[in-house]
């Protein structure tokens, strides 16, 4: 853990853009969870990530795996909402504010350059 301290954590958590689709992928996922005695798995991401999480949860339950799967919506696309519980995913609001600030900064810089 010490090697990840103050690094933002993403290297430790990992990231992927792969869909879990084949029976072998589901079996491999369950095998790993069982091998390390995982009680819970939190999937953080957008639409595809949470679809993977939901499919894993169903597969694990159907096959008696003790690992519970929980999905946490996180996307800058703004395409993952569940009103009234999750009116907007975290990430989207931050991205909008950051981009608005950057656009504002460019506008100020352009005015100060007077070109």
N, C-alpha and C. Protein backbone atom coordinates (compact mmCIF):
# COMPACT_ATOMS: atom_id res chain seq x y z
N UNK A 1 0.82 -1.20 0.00
CA UNK A 1 0.00 0.00 0.00
C UNK A 1 0.86 1.26 0.00
N UNK A 2 2.02 1.22 0.66
CA UNK A 2 2.86 2.41 0.79
C UNK A 2 3.24 2.98 -0.57
N UNK A 3 3.44 2.10 -1.55
CA UNK A 3 3.82 2.56 -2.88
C UNK A 3 2.75 3.37 -3.59
N UNK A 4 1.51 3.26 -3.13
CA UNK A 4 0.40 3.97 -3.76
C UNK A 4 0.00 5.23 -3.01
N UNK A 5 0.59 5.44 -1.84
CA UNK A 5 0.22 6.60 -1.02
C UNK A 5 0.46 7.89 -1.80
N UNK A 6 -0.50 8.78 -1.75
CA UNK A 6 -0.45 10.10 -2.40
C UNK A 6 -0.30 10.01 -3.91
N UNK A 7 -0.72 8.91 -4.50
CA UNK A 7 -0.64 8.77 -5.95
C UNK A 7 -1.99 8.90 -6.63
N UNK A 8 -3.03 9.17 -5.87
CA UNK A 8 -4.36 9.30 -6.43
C UNK A 8 -5.15 8.01 -6.40
N UNK A 9 -4.47 6.89 -6.23
CA UNK A 9 -5.15 5.61 -6.07
C UNK A 9 -5.52 4.88 -7.34
N UNK A 10 -5.50 5.54 -8.48
CA UNK A 10 -5.99 4.89 -9.69
C UNK A 10 -5.10 3.74 -10.14
N UNK A 11 -3.79 3.85 -9.88
CA UNK A 11 -2.90 2.76 -10.25
C UNK A 11 -3.23 1.50 -9.46
N UNK A 12 -3.62 1.66 -8.22
CA UNK A 12 -3.95 0.51 -7.39
C UNK A 12 -5.30 -0.06 -7.78
N UNK A 13 -6.26 0.80 -8.04
CA UNK A 13 -7.60 0.35 -8.38
C UNK A 13 -7.65 -0.31 -9.75
N UNK A 14 -6.96 0.27 -10.68
CA UNK A 14 -6.97 -0.25 -12.04
C UNK A 14 -8.14 0.30 -12.85
N UNK A 15 -8.06 0.16 -14.12
CA UNK A 15 -9.09 0.67 -15.01
C UNK A 15 -9.11 -0.21 -16.26
N UNK A 16 -10.27 -0.35 -16.84
CA UNK A 16 -10.37 -1.15 -18.04
C UNK A 16 -11.53 -0.72 -18.90
N UNK A 17 -11.47 -1.06 -20.15
CA UNK A 17 -12.53 -0.73 -21.10
C UNK A 17 -13.09 -2.00 -21.73
N UNK A 18 -13.04 -3.08 -20.97
CA UNK A 18 -13.45 -4.37 -21.52
C UNK A 18 -14.82 -4.77 -21.00
N UNK A 19 -15.60 -5.38 -21.88
CA UNK A 19 -16.89 -5.92 -21.46
C UNK A 19 -16.72 -7.38 -21.09
N UNK A 20 -17.47 -7.78 -20.09
CA UNK A 20 -17.49 -9.18 -19.70
C UNK A 20 -18.66 -9.81 -20.46
N UNK A 21 -18.33 -10.67 -21.42
CA UNK A 21 -19.37 -11.18 -22.31
C UNK A 21 -19.45 -12.71 -22.37
N UNK A 22 -18.30 -13.36 -22.35
CA UNK A 22 -18.32 -14.81 -22.55
C UNK A 22 -18.50 -15.55 -21.23
N UNK A 23 -18.97 -16.78 -21.34
CA UNK A 23 -19.13 -17.64 -20.16
C UNK A 23 -17.79 -17.80 -19.45
N UNK A 24 -16.73 -17.92 -20.22
CA UNK A 24 -15.39 -18.08 -19.63
C UNK A 24 -15.00 -16.85 -18.81
N UNK A 25 -15.32 -15.66 -19.30
CA UNK A 25 -15.00 -14.44 -18.56
C UNK A 25 -15.77 -14.37 -17.24
N UNK A 26 -17.04 -14.78 -17.27
CA UNK A 26 -17.82 -14.80 -16.04
C UNK A 26 -17.25 -15.82 -15.06
N UNK A 27 -16.91 -16.99 -15.57
CA UNK A 27 -16.33 -18.04 -14.72
C UNK A 27 -15.00 -17.58 -14.12
N UNK A 28 -14.16 -16.96 -14.94
CA UNK A 28 -12.86 -16.48 -14.46
C UNK A 28 -13.04 -15.41 -13.38
N UNK A 29 -14.00 -14.53 -13.57
CA UNK A 29 -14.28 -13.48 -12.57
C UNK A 29 -14.69 -14.10 -11.25
N UNK A 30 -15.57 -15.09 -11.31
CA UNK A 30 -16.03 -15.75 -10.10
C UNK A 30 -14.91 -16.54 -9.44
N UNK A 31 -14.09 -17.18 -10.24
CA UNK A 31 -12.96 -17.95 -9.71
C UNK A 31 -12.01 -17.05 -8.92
N UNK A 32 -11.70 -15.89 -9.46
CA UNK A 32 -10.81 -14.95 -8.78
C UNK A 32 -11.44 -14.46 -7.48
N UNK A 33 -12.71 -14.08 -7.53
CA UNK A 33 -13.39 -13.60 -6.32
C UNK A 33 -13.41 -14.67 -5.24
N UNK A 34 -13.68 -15.91 -5.63
CA UNK A 34 -13.69 -17.02 -4.67
C UNK A 34 -12.29 -17.30 -4.13
N UNK A 35 -11.29 -17.25 -5.00
CA UNK A 35 -9.92 -17.57 -4.61
C UNK A 35 -9.38 -16.60 -3.56
N UNK A 36 -9.76 -15.34 -3.66
CA UNK A 36 -9.25 -14.36 -2.70
C UNK A 36 -10.25 -14.08 -1.58
N UNK A 37 -11.36 -14.82 -1.58
CA UNK A 37 -12.34 -14.68 -0.51
C UNK A 37 -13.01 -13.31 -0.48
N UNK A 38 -13.28 -12.78 -1.64
CA UNK A 38 -13.86 -11.43 -1.74
C UNK A 38 -15.32 -11.43 -1.34
N UNK A 39 -15.66 -10.64 -0.34
CA UNK A 39 -17.05 -10.51 0.10
C UNK A 39 -17.83 -9.54 -0.79
N UNK A 40 -17.15 -8.50 -1.28
CA UNK A 40 -17.82 -7.49 -2.08
C UNK A 40 -16.93 -6.94 -3.16
N UNK A 41 -17.56 -6.52 -4.24
CA UNK A 41 -16.86 -5.91 -5.37
C UNK A 41 -17.61 -4.64 -5.75
N UNK A 42 -16.92 -3.51 -5.75
CA UNK A 42 -17.53 -2.24 -6.13
C UNK A 42 -17.05 -1.88 -7.52
N UNK A 43 -17.98 -1.75 -8.44
CA UNK A 43 -17.68 -1.37 -9.82
C UNK A 43 -17.99 0.11 -9.95
N UNK A 44 -16.98 0.91 -10.28
CA UNK A 44 -17.14 2.36 -10.40
C UNK A 44 -17.00 2.72 -11.87
N UNK A 45 -18.02 3.35 -12.44
CA UNK A 45 -17.91 3.73 -13.84
C UNK A 45 -19.23 4.15 -14.44
N UNK A 46 -19.23 4.19 -15.74
CA UNK A 46 -20.40 4.62 -16.48
C UNK A 46 -21.31 3.47 -16.85
N UNK A 47 -21.99 3.65 -17.96
CA UNK A 47 -23.02 2.71 -18.41
C UNK A 47 -22.46 1.31 -18.62
N UNK A 48 -21.37 1.19 -19.36
CA UNK A 48 -20.79 -0.13 -19.63
C UNK A 48 -20.29 -0.79 -18.35
N UNK A 49 -19.62 -0.04 -17.51
CA UNK A 49 -19.09 -0.59 -16.26
C UNK A 49 -20.22 -1.10 -15.38
N UNK A 50 -21.26 -0.32 -15.25
CA UNK A 50 -22.37 -0.72 -14.39
C UNK A 50 -23.18 -1.85 -15.00
N UNK A 51 -23.21 -1.94 -16.32
CA UNK A 51 -23.84 -3.10 -16.97
C UNK A 51 -23.04 -4.35 -16.63
N UNK A 52 -21.70 -4.26 -16.73
CA UNK A 52 -20.85 -5.38 -16.33
C UNK A 52 -21.12 -5.77 -14.89
N UNK A 53 -21.21 -4.77 -14.01
CA UNK A 53 -21.47 -5.04 -12.60
C UNK A 53 -22.79 -5.75 -12.37
N UNK A 54 -23.82 -5.31 -13.06
CA UNK A 54 -25.14 -5.93 -12.91
C UNK A 54 -25.12 -7.38 -13.42
N UNK A 55 -24.46 -7.60 -14.56
CA UNK A 55 -24.38 -8.95 -15.10
C UNK A 55 -23.56 -9.87 -14.19
N UNK A 56 -22.47 -9.34 -13.63
CA UNK A 56 -21.67 -10.12 -12.68
C UNK A 56 -22.49 -10.47 -11.44
N UNK A 57 -23.24 -9.50 -10.93
CA UNK A 57 -24.06 -9.74 -9.74
C UNK A 57 -25.06 -10.86 -9.99
N UNK A 58 -25.71 -10.83 -11.13
CA UNK A 58 -26.68 -11.87 -11.48
C UNK A 58 -26.00 -13.23 -11.63
N UNK A 59 -24.85 -13.24 -12.28
CA UNK A 59 -24.12 -14.49 -12.50
C UNK A 59 -23.65 -15.07 -11.16
N UNK A 60 -23.06 -14.22 -10.33
CA UNK A 60 -22.58 -14.68 -9.03
C UNK A 60 -23.71 -15.25 -8.19
N UNK A 61 -24.85 -14.58 -8.18
CA UNK A 61 -25.99 -15.05 -7.38
C UNK A 61 -26.48 -16.39 -7.92
N UNK A 62 -26.60 -16.51 -9.22
CA UNK A 62 -27.10 -17.74 -9.83
C UNK A 62 -26.17 -18.93 -9.61
N UNK A 63 -24.88 -18.64 -9.37
CA UNK A 63 -23.90 -19.72 -9.21
C UNK A 63 -23.40 -19.86 -7.77
N UNK A 64 -24.12 -19.24 -6.84
CA UNK A 64 -23.80 -19.41 -5.42
C UNK A 64 -22.52 -18.76 -4.94
N UNK A 65 -22.06 -17.76 -5.63
CA UNK A 65 -20.85 -17.04 -5.23
C UNK A 65 -21.20 -16.07 -4.10
N UNK A 66 -20.39 -16.04 -3.05
CA UNK A 66 -20.69 -15.16 -1.91
C UNK A 66 -20.40 -13.69 -2.19
N UNK A 67 -19.63 -13.39 -3.24
CA UNK A 67 -19.26 -12.01 -3.56
C UNK A 67 -20.48 -11.21 -4.00
N UNK A 68 -20.74 -10.12 -3.31
CA UNK A 68 -21.83 -9.20 -3.68
C UNK A 68 -21.23 -8.09 -4.53
N UNK A 69 -21.95 -7.68 -5.56
CA UNK A 69 -21.46 -6.66 -6.48
C UNK A 69 -22.32 -5.41 -6.33
N UNK A 70 -21.64 -4.27 -6.22
CA UNK A 70 -22.32 -2.98 -6.09
C UNK A 70 -21.79 -2.05 -7.16
N UNK A 71 -22.66 -1.37 -7.86
CA UNK A 71 -22.25 -0.42 -8.88
C UNK A 71 -22.34 1.01 -8.37
N UNK A 72 -21.32 1.80 -8.66
CA UNK A 72 -21.30 3.22 -8.29
C UNK A 72 -21.16 4.04 -9.58
N UNK A 73 -22.18 4.83 -9.92
CA UNK A 73 -22.12 5.60 -11.16
C UNK A 73 -21.08 6.71 -11.12
N UNK A 74 -20.22 6.73 -12.11
CA UNK A 74 -19.19 7.77 -12.23
C UNK A 74 -18.91 7.95 -13.70
N UNK A 75 -19.32 9.08 -14.25
CA UNK A 75 -19.07 9.35 -15.66
C UNK A 75 -19.08 10.85 -15.90
N UNK A 76 -18.27 11.28 -16.84
CA UNK A 76 -18.30 12.70 -17.21
C UNK A 76 -19.25 12.94 -18.37
N UNK A 77 -19.84 11.88 -18.89
CA UNK A 77 -20.73 12.00 -20.05
C UNK A 77 -22.12 12.53 -19.69
N UNK A 78 -22.51 12.38 -18.44
CA UNK A 78 -23.84 12.83 -18.04
C UNK A 78 -24.94 11.93 -18.55
N UNK A 79 -24.60 10.69 -18.93
CA UNK A 79 -25.59 9.80 -19.52
C UNK A 79 -26.06 8.70 -18.57
N UNK A 80 -25.71 8.82 -17.31
CA UNK A 80 -26.07 7.79 -16.35
C UNK A 80 -26.78 8.46 -15.17
N UNK A 81 -28.11 8.43 -15.21
CA UNK A 81 -28.91 9.09 -14.18
C UNK A 81 -29.99 8.14 -13.69
N UNK A 82 -30.37 8.29 -12.45
CA UNK A 82 -31.44 7.49 -11.85
C UNK A 82 -32.29 8.38 -10.96
N UNK A 83 -32.99 9.35 -11.53
CA UNK A 83 -33.80 10.23 -10.70
C UNK A 83 -34.83 9.46 -9.91
N UNK A 84 -35.17 9.83 -8.72
CA UNK A 84 -34.64 10.96 -7.95
C UNK A 84 -33.42 10.60 -7.11
N UNK A 85 -33.00 9.34 -7.14
CA UNK A 85 -31.91 8.90 -6.28
C UNK A 85 -30.56 9.45 -6.71
N UNK A 86 -30.30 9.43 -8.01
CA UNK A 86 -29.03 9.93 -8.54
C UNK A 86 -29.38 10.86 -9.71
N UNK A 87 -29.67 12.13 -9.41
CA UNK A 87 -30.08 13.04 -10.49
C UNK A 87 -28.96 13.31 -11.50
N UNK A 88 -27.72 13.21 -11.05
CA UNK A 88 -26.58 13.41 -11.94
C UNK A 88 -25.40 12.68 -11.31
N UNK A 89 -24.61 12.03 -12.12
CA UNK A 89 -23.49 11.27 -11.56
C UNK A 89 -22.34 12.21 -11.20
N UNK A 90 -21.61 11.83 -10.13
CA UNK A 90 -20.45 12.64 -9.81
C UNK A 90 -19.44 12.45 -10.94
N UNK A 91 -18.69 13.44 -11.22
CA UNK A 91 -17.80 13.43 -12.37
C UNK A 91 -18.31 14.37 -13.44
N UNK A 92 -19.60 14.24 -13.78
CA UNK A 92 -20.18 15.10 -14.81
C UNK A 92 -20.21 16.56 -14.35
N UNK A 93 -20.69 16.78 -13.12
CA UNK A 93 -20.77 18.14 -12.59
C UNK A 93 -19.38 18.75 -12.48
N UNK A 94 -18.43 17.98 -11.98
CA UNK A 94 -17.06 18.46 -11.85
C UNK A 94 -16.47 18.79 -13.22
N UNK A 95 -16.69 17.92 -14.20
CA UNK A 95 -16.17 18.16 -15.54
C UNK A 95 -16.77 19.44 -16.13
N UNK A 96 -18.08 19.63 -15.96
CA UNK A 96 -18.73 20.84 -16.48
C UNK A 96 -18.14 22.10 -15.85
N UNK A 97 -17.97 22.08 -14.54
CA UNK A 97 -17.40 23.25 -13.84
C UNK A 97 -15.96 23.50 -14.27
N UNK A 98 -15.20 22.43 -14.41
CA UNK A 98 -13.80 22.58 -14.83
C UNK A 98 -13.73 23.15 -16.24
N UNK A 99 -14.51 22.60 -17.16
CA UNK A 99 -14.49 23.10 -18.54
C UNK A 99 -14.98 24.54 -18.61
N UNK A 100 -15.99 24.87 -17.83
CA UNK A 100 -16.49 26.25 -17.81
C UNK A 100 -15.41 27.20 -17.31
N UNK A 101 -14.68 26.79 -16.29
CA UNK A 101 -13.59 27.61 -15.77
C UNK A 101 -12.51 27.79 -16.81
N UNK A 102 -12.15 26.71 -17.50
CA UNK A 102 -11.11 26.78 -18.53
C UNK A 102 -11.52 27.70 -19.68
N UNK A 103 -12.78 27.58 -20.10
CA UNK A 103 -13.27 28.45 -21.18
C UNK A 103 -13.24 29.90 -20.73
N UNK A 104 -13.64 30.14 -19.48
CA UNK A 104 -13.58 31.49 -18.93
C UNK A 104 -12.15 32.02 -18.89
N UNK A 105 -11.21 31.17 -18.50
CA UNK A 105 -9.81 31.58 -18.46
C UNK A 105 -9.28 31.93 -19.84
N UNK A 106 -9.66 31.14 -20.85
CA UNK A 106 -9.23 31.42 -22.22
C UNK A 106 -9.82 32.75 -22.68
N UNK A 107 -11.08 33.01 -22.33
CA UNK A 107 -11.71 34.28 -22.71
C UNK A 107 -10.98 35.45 -22.08
N UNK A 108 -10.61 35.35 -20.82
CA UNK A 108 -9.89 36.41 -20.14
C UNK A 108 -8.50 36.59 -20.77
N UNK A 109 -7.84 35.47 -21.03
CA UNK A 109 -6.51 35.56 -21.66
C UNK A 109 -6.59 36.22 -23.04
N UNK A 110 -7.62 35.86 -23.81
CA UNK A 110 -7.78 36.43 -25.14
C UNK A 110 -8.00 37.95 -25.06
N UNK A 111 -8.79 38.36 -24.08
CA UNK A 111 -9.03 39.81 -23.91
C UNK A 111 -7.76 40.52 -23.48
N UNK A 112 -6.98 39.90 -22.62
CA UNK A 112 -5.77 40.57 -22.13
C UNK A 112 -4.71 40.64 -23.23
N UNK A 113 -4.73 39.72 -24.18
CA UNK A 113 -3.76 39.75 -25.28
C UNK A 113 -4.17 40.78 -26.33
N UNK A 114 -5.42 41.12 -26.39
CA UNK A 114 -6.01 42.09 -27.33
C UNK A 114 -5.59 41.79 -28.78
N UNK A 115 -5.76 40.53 -29.14
CA UNK A 115 -5.41 40.17 -30.52
C UNK A 115 -6.61 39.59 -31.20
